Protein backbone atom coordinates (compact mmCIF):
# COMPACT_ATOMS: atom_id res chain seq x y z
CA UNK A 1 3.07 -43.27 -106.53
CA UNK A 2 4.28 -40.76 -103.94
CA UNK A 3 5.02 -37.17 -104.95
CA UNK A 4 8.48 -37.38 -103.34
CA UNK A 5 10.32 -40.70 -103.18
CA UNK A 6 13.60 -41.17 -101.32
CA UNK A 7 15.27 -44.54 -101.78
CA UNK A 8 18.38 -45.93 -100.05
CA UNK A 9 19.88 -42.48 -99.54
CA UNK A 10 23.40 -42.50 -98.09
CA UNK A 11 25.71 -39.64 -97.16
CA UNK A 12 29.09 -39.56 -95.43
CA UNK A 13 31.50 -36.76 -94.59
CA UNK A 14 35.26 -37.15 -94.54
CA UNK A 15 37.02 -35.98 -91.37
CA UNK A 16 40.72 -36.18 -92.01
CA UNK A 17 41.69 -39.82 -92.41
CA UNK A 18 38.25 -41.22 -91.54
CA UNK A 19 34.69 -40.77 -92.72
CA UNK A 20 31.46 -40.34 -90.77
CA UNK A 21 28.17 -41.64 -92.13
CA UNK A 22 25.45 -39.05 -91.60
CA UNK A 23 22.59 -40.68 -93.53
CA UNK A 24 22.17 -44.44 -93.59
CA UNK A 25 19.78 -46.10 -96.02
CA UNK A 26 17.02 -43.47 -95.86
CA UNK A 27 13.69 -44.52 -97.38
CA UNK A 28 10.73 -42.12 -97.32
CA UNK A 29 7.63 -41.40 -99.37
CA UNK A 30 5.90 -38.01 -99.13
CA UNK A 31 2.52 -37.32 -100.73
CA UNK A 32 1.56 -34.22 -102.66
CA UNK A 33 0.17 -31.53 -100.37
CA UNK A 34 1.65 -33.01 -97.19
CA UNK A 35 3.21 -30.89 -94.50
CA UNK A 36 5.87 -33.42 -93.55
CA UNK A 37 7.97 -32.91 -90.41
CA UNK A 38 11.35 -34.45 -89.65
CA UNK A 39 12.46 -34.29 -86.04
CA UNK A 40 15.67 -35.39 -84.37
CA UNK A 41 18.47 -34.35 -82.05
CA UNK A 42 21.34 -32.16 -83.24
CA UNK A 43 23.68 -34.24 -85.38
CA UNK A 44 21.00 -36.75 -86.36
CA UNK A 45 21.32 -35.77 -90.03
CA UNK A 46 18.20 -33.61 -90.47
CA UNK A 47 19.80 -30.70 -92.31
CA UNK A 48 21.89 -33.03 -94.44
CA UNK A 49 18.78 -34.97 -95.46
CA UNK A 50 16.78 -31.93 -96.49
CA UNK A 51 19.75 -30.48 -98.38
CA UNK A 52 20.15 -33.74 -100.29
CA UNK A 53 16.66 -33.26 -101.73
CA UNK A 54 17.82 -30.30 -103.84
CA UNK A 55 21.43 -31.49 -103.94
CA UNK A 56 22.90 -28.63 -101.97
CA UNK A 57 24.56 -31.70 -100.46
CA UNK A 58 25.44 -34.45 -102.91
CA UNK A 59 24.37 -37.88 -101.62
CA UNK A 60 26.89 -40.71 -101.94
CA UNK A 61 24.23 -43.05 -103.29
CA UNK A 62 20.50 -43.55 -103.50
CA UNK A 63 17.78 -41.72 -105.40
CA UNK A 64 15.53 -38.71 -104.86
CA UNK A 65 12.50 -38.44 -107.14
CA UNK A 66 10.25 -35.37 -107.04
CA UNK A 67 7.07 -35.33 -109.13
CA UNK A 68 8.39 -38.15 -111.30
CA UNK A 69 11.75 -36.51 -111.98
CA UNK A 70 14.88 -38.17 -110.59
CA UNK A 71 16.77 -35.28 -108.99
CA UNK A 72 19.85 -37.40 -108.30
CA UNK A 73 20.24 -38.23 -112.02
CA UNK A 74 20.21 -34.63 -113.32
CA UNK A 75 23.22 -32.91 -114.81
CA UNK A 76 24.34 -29.68 -113.15
CA UNK A 77 22.61 -27.58 -115.81
CA UNK A 78 19.40 -29.59 -115.46
CA UNK A 79 19.63 -29.36 -111.66
CA UNK A 80 20.01 -25.58 -111.81
CA UNK A 81 16.74 -25.32 -113.72
CA UNK A 82 14.94 -27.85 -111.54
CA UNK A 83 15.90 -26.06 -108.31
CA UNK A 84 13.49 -23.29 -109.30
CA UNK A 85 10.68 -25.71 -108.48
CA UNK A 86 12.14 -26.43 -105.01
CA UNK A 87 11.94 -23.43 -102.67
CA UNK A 88 13.93 -23.30 -99.44
CA UNK A 89 13.78 -21.20 -96.28
CA UNK A 90 16.52 -21.04 -93.67
CA UNK A 91 16.94 -20.41 -89.95
CA UNK A 92 19.38 -17.56 -90.68
CA UNK A 93 17.06 -15.95 -93.31
CA UNK A 94 19.91 -15.54 -95.89
CA UNK A 95 18.70 -12.13 -97.07
CA UNK A 96 20.78 -9.54 -98.93
CA UNK A 97 21.38 -6.72 -96.44
CA UNK A 98 21.91 -4.16 -99.19
CA UNK A 99 18.61 -4.95 -100.94
CA UNK A 100 15.11 -3.86 -99.90
CA UNK A 101 12.37 -6.36 -99.11
CA UNK A 102 11.03 -6.04 -102.67
CA UNK A 103 14.49 -6.41 -104.16
CA UNK A 104 15.19 -9.53 -102.09
CA UNK A 105 11.97 -11.13 -103.31
CA UNK A 106 12.62 -10.04 -106.90
CA UNK A 107 16.15 -11.50 -107.00
CA UNK A 108 15.31 -15.11 -108.04
CA UNK A 109 12.88 -13.77 -110.66
CA UNK A 110 15.59 -11.58 -112.12
CA UNK A 111 17.98 -14.54 -112.18
CA UNK A 112 15.28 -16.43 -114.10
CA UNK A 113 15.26 -13.46 -116.53
CA UNK A 114 11.60 -12.54 -116.19
CA UNK A 115 10.54 -9.22 -117.71
CA UNK A 116 10.35 -6.26 -115.32
CA UNK A 117 6.57 -6.03 -115.46
CA UNK A 118 6.20 -9.71 -114.60
CA UNK A 119 8.73 -9.34 -111.77
CA UNK A 120 6.91 -6.34 -110.29
CA UNK A 121 3.51 -8.07 -110.49
CA UNK A 122 4.85 -11.23 -108.85
CA UNK A 123 6.58 -9.28 -106.06
CA UNK A 124 3.35 -7.38 -105.36
CA UNK A 125 1.40 -10.64 -105.10
CA UNK A 126 3.99 -12.21 -102.79
CA UNK A 127 4.15 -9.17 -100.51
CA UNK A 128 0.39 -9.43 -100.13
CA UNK A 129 0.57 -13.17 -99.47
CA UNK A 130 3.08 -12.77 -96.62
CA UNK A 131 1.42 -9.56 -95.38
CA UNK A 132 4.42 -7.27 -95.86
CA UNK A 133 3.08 -4.72 -98.34
CA UNK A 134 3.89 -1.94 -95.86
CA UNK A 135 7.55 -3.05 -95.60
CA UNK A 136 8.32 -3.24 -99.34
CA UNK A 137 10.99 -0.53 -99.24
CA UNK A 138 12.53 -1.50 -95.90
CA UNK A 139 15.94 -3.14 -95.57
CA UNK A 140 16.57 -6.38 -93.61
CA UNK A 141 18.28 -4.42 -90.82
CA UNK A 142 15.00 -2.61 -90.18
CA UNK A 143 12.94 -5.81 -89.87
CA UNK A 144 12.03 -8.05 -86.95
CA UNK A 145 12.98 -11.73 -87.05
CA UNK A 146 9.46 -12.71 -88.04
CA UNK A 147 9.39 -10.14 -90.85
CA UNK A 148 12.75 -11.39 -92.14
CA UNK A 149 11.41 -14.93 -92.26
CA UNK A 150 8.33 -13.75 -94.14
CA UNK A 151 10.64 -12.19 -96.73
CA UNK A 152 12.54 -15.48 -96.90
CA UNK A 153 9.29 -17.36 -97.47
CA UNK A 154 8.16 -14.93 -100.18
CA UNK A 155 11.52 -15.23 -101.94
CA UNK A 156 11.35 -19.05 -101.75
CA UNK A 157 7.91 -18.90 -103.41
CA UNK A 158 8.95 -16.47 -106.15
CA UNK A 159 9.38 -19.08 -108.89
CA UNK A 160 6.16 -20.91 -107.94
CA UNK A 161 7.84 -24.06 -106.60
CA UNK A 162 6.20 -27.45 -106.19
CA UNK A 163 8.02 -28.12 -102.91
CA UNK A 164 9.04 -25.88 -100.03
CA UNK A 165 11.90 -27.02 -97.78
CA UNK A 166 12.14 -25.48 -94.33
CA UNK A 167 15.50 -25.85 -92.56
CA UNK A 168 14.85 -25.00 -88.89
CA UNK A 169 13.01 -21.90 -90.09
CA UNK A 170 11.43 -21.08 -86.72
CA UNK A 171 14.30 -22.01 -84.39
CA UNK A 172 15.54 -18.41 -84.03
CA UNK A 173 12.06 -16.98 -83.37
CA UNK A 174 10.10 -16.39 -80.17
CA UNK A 175 6.98 -18.54 -79.56
CA UNK A 176 4.45 -15.94 -80.69
CA UNK A 177 6.34 -15.23 -83.92
CA UNK A 178 6.82 -18.95 -84.50
CA UNK A 179 3.05 -19.41 -84.27
CA UNK A 180 2.44 -16.66 -86.85
CA UNK A 181 4.97 -18.19 -89.27
CA UNK A 182 3.38 -21.64 -88.88
CA UNK A 183 -0.02 -20.14 -89.61
CA UNK A 184 1.41 -18.54 -92.74
CA UNK A 185 2.87 -21.87 -93.88
CA UNK A 186 -0.49 -23.55 -93.32
CA UNK A 187 -2.20 -20.86 -95.36
CA UNK A 188 0.34 -21.30 -98.18
CA UNK A 189 -0.10 -25.07 -98.08
CA UNK A 190 -3.88 -24.77 -98.44
CA UNK A 191 -3.96 -21.89 -100.92
CA UNK A 192 -1.19 -23.12 -103.24
CA UNK A 193 -1.40 -26.88 -102.65
CA UNK A 194 2.30 -26.75 -101.88
CA UNK A 195 4.11 -29.75 -100.41
CA UNK A 196 6.15 -28.63 -97.39
CA UNK A 197 8.97 -30.52 -95.71
CA UNK A 198 10.29 -29.04 -92.50
CA UNK A 199 12.97 -30.11 -90.10
CA UNK A 200 12.93 -29.06 -86.48
CA UNK A 201 13.79 -30.07 -82.94
CA UNK A 202 10.62 -28.41 -81.64
CA UNK A 203 7.88 -30.97 -81.00
CA UNK A 204 5.25 -28.24 -80.76
CA UNK A 205 5.97 -27.27 -84.38
CA UNK A 206 5.50 -30.86 -85.56
CA UNK A 207 2.30 -31.31 -83.55
CA UNK A 208 0.78 -28.03 -84.71
CA UNK A 209 1.45 -28.07 -88.44
CA UNK A 210 2.49 -31.50 -89.73
CA UNK A 211 0.07 -34.19 -90.88
CA UNK A 212 2.93 -36.66 -91.44
CA UNK A 213 6.29 -37.00 -89.70
CA UNK A 214 9.49 -39.00 -89.38
CA UNK A 215 11.98 -39.32 -86.55
CA UNK A 216 15.65 -39.33 -87.54
CA UNK A 217 17.94 -41.15 -85.14
CA UNK A 218 21.65 -41.64 -85.81
CA UNK A 219 21.21 -41.10 -89.53
CA UNK A 220 18.34 -43.60 -89.84
CA UNK A 221 14.56 -43.31 -89.94
CA UNK A 222 13.54 -44.59 -86.51
CA UNK A 223 9.79 -44.24 -87.08
CA UNK A 224 7.39 -42.44 -89.39
CA UNK A 225 3.70 -42.11 -90.17
CA UNK A 226 0.73 -39.91 -89.37
CA UNK A 227 1.73 -37.38 -86.74
CA UNK A 228 -1.14 -38.27 -84.41
CA UNK A 229 -0.28 -41.98 -84.59
CA UNK A 230 3.44 -41.49 -84.01
CA UNK A 231 2.83 -39.29 -80.96
CA UNK A 232 0.21 -41.68 -79.60
CA UNK A 233 2.59 -44.66 -79.58
CA UNK A 234 6.20 -43.39 -79.88
CA UNK A 235 8.62 -46.26 -80.44
CA UNK A 236 11.96 -44.48 -80.90
CA UNK A 237 14.26 -43.45 -78.06
CA UNK A 238 14.57 -40.01 -79.66
CA UNK A 239 10.87 -39.19 -79.61
CA UNK A 240 10.36 -40.71 -76.17
CA UNK A 241 13.18 -38.52 -74.83
CA UNK A 242 11.80 -35.41 -76.53
CA UNK A 243 8.38 -36.04 -75.03
CA UNK A 244 9.82 -36.73 -71.57
CA UNK A 245 11.82 -33.49 -71.59
CA UNK A 246 8.79 -31.53 -72.84
CA UNK A 247 6.70 -32.92 -70.01
CA UNK A 248 9.37 -32.02 -67.47
CA UNK A 249 9.44 -28.45 -68.77
CA UNK A 250 5.64 -28.22 -68.49
CA UNK A 251 5.70 -29.55 -64.92
CA UNK A 252 8.47 -27.14 -63.95
CA UNK A 253 6.56 -24.22 -65.46
CA UNK A 254 3.42 -25.18 -63.51
CA UNK A 255 5.44 -25.47 -60.31
CA UNK A 256 7.03 -22.05 -60.80
CA UNK A 257 3.63 -20.55 -61.54
CA UNK A 258 2.17 -22.10 -58.40
CA UNK A 259 5.06 -20.80 -56.32
CA UNK A 260 4.68 -17.33 -57.80
CA UNK A 261 8.19 -17.38 -59.22
């Protein structure tokens, strides 16, 4: 049995007098400890899919099962408790500007009503994990983009989740910072045995960090499997187009380098 099971997931959005189907009969299995990537063009339904896993978006139908627990069958009170085991990091960081780094990380622990000593110990451990001990008293406005994302990752890990969802978490970062964040996620995956699901439109991210992947195309799973196998024989128009554009960029960069531009 897979650690995460998604069966026949459907989601539509109403636009005035009509509705638009964003997710169409999604079926996916994700194993414990996977770093699972989902790639697709803008509007393919990536963010909607990942937000359905913790019901930040309510699916119209279908089931999501995480570690044997059917997320889509939980009451709102049950869901609130279960969300503590599903961490999430965002492209826009979503930090509290008026709170320090330590206070941002402590927030979900305080909501969970942990004792102050336990909160302080956990925050200290997380600051060490994301290598931000020296920025504990800084405010988000004083941090670089990479540092902000490290705070976001630490906060997402505060309640010791079983799953970490990454919603375009590196899209706003430069390549060098992206690489450092991916290395941190790999370290977390190995050290904590955490299952990570990330969505992105950056093929390099998928190739570098993900052992399994799926391609979302028009709200449907166009192909999925081991990352190396999918890239070796891409069958979807989406992935073929991504790879073609990437190759064109590489060729253009080589040309400009050769011309001394």
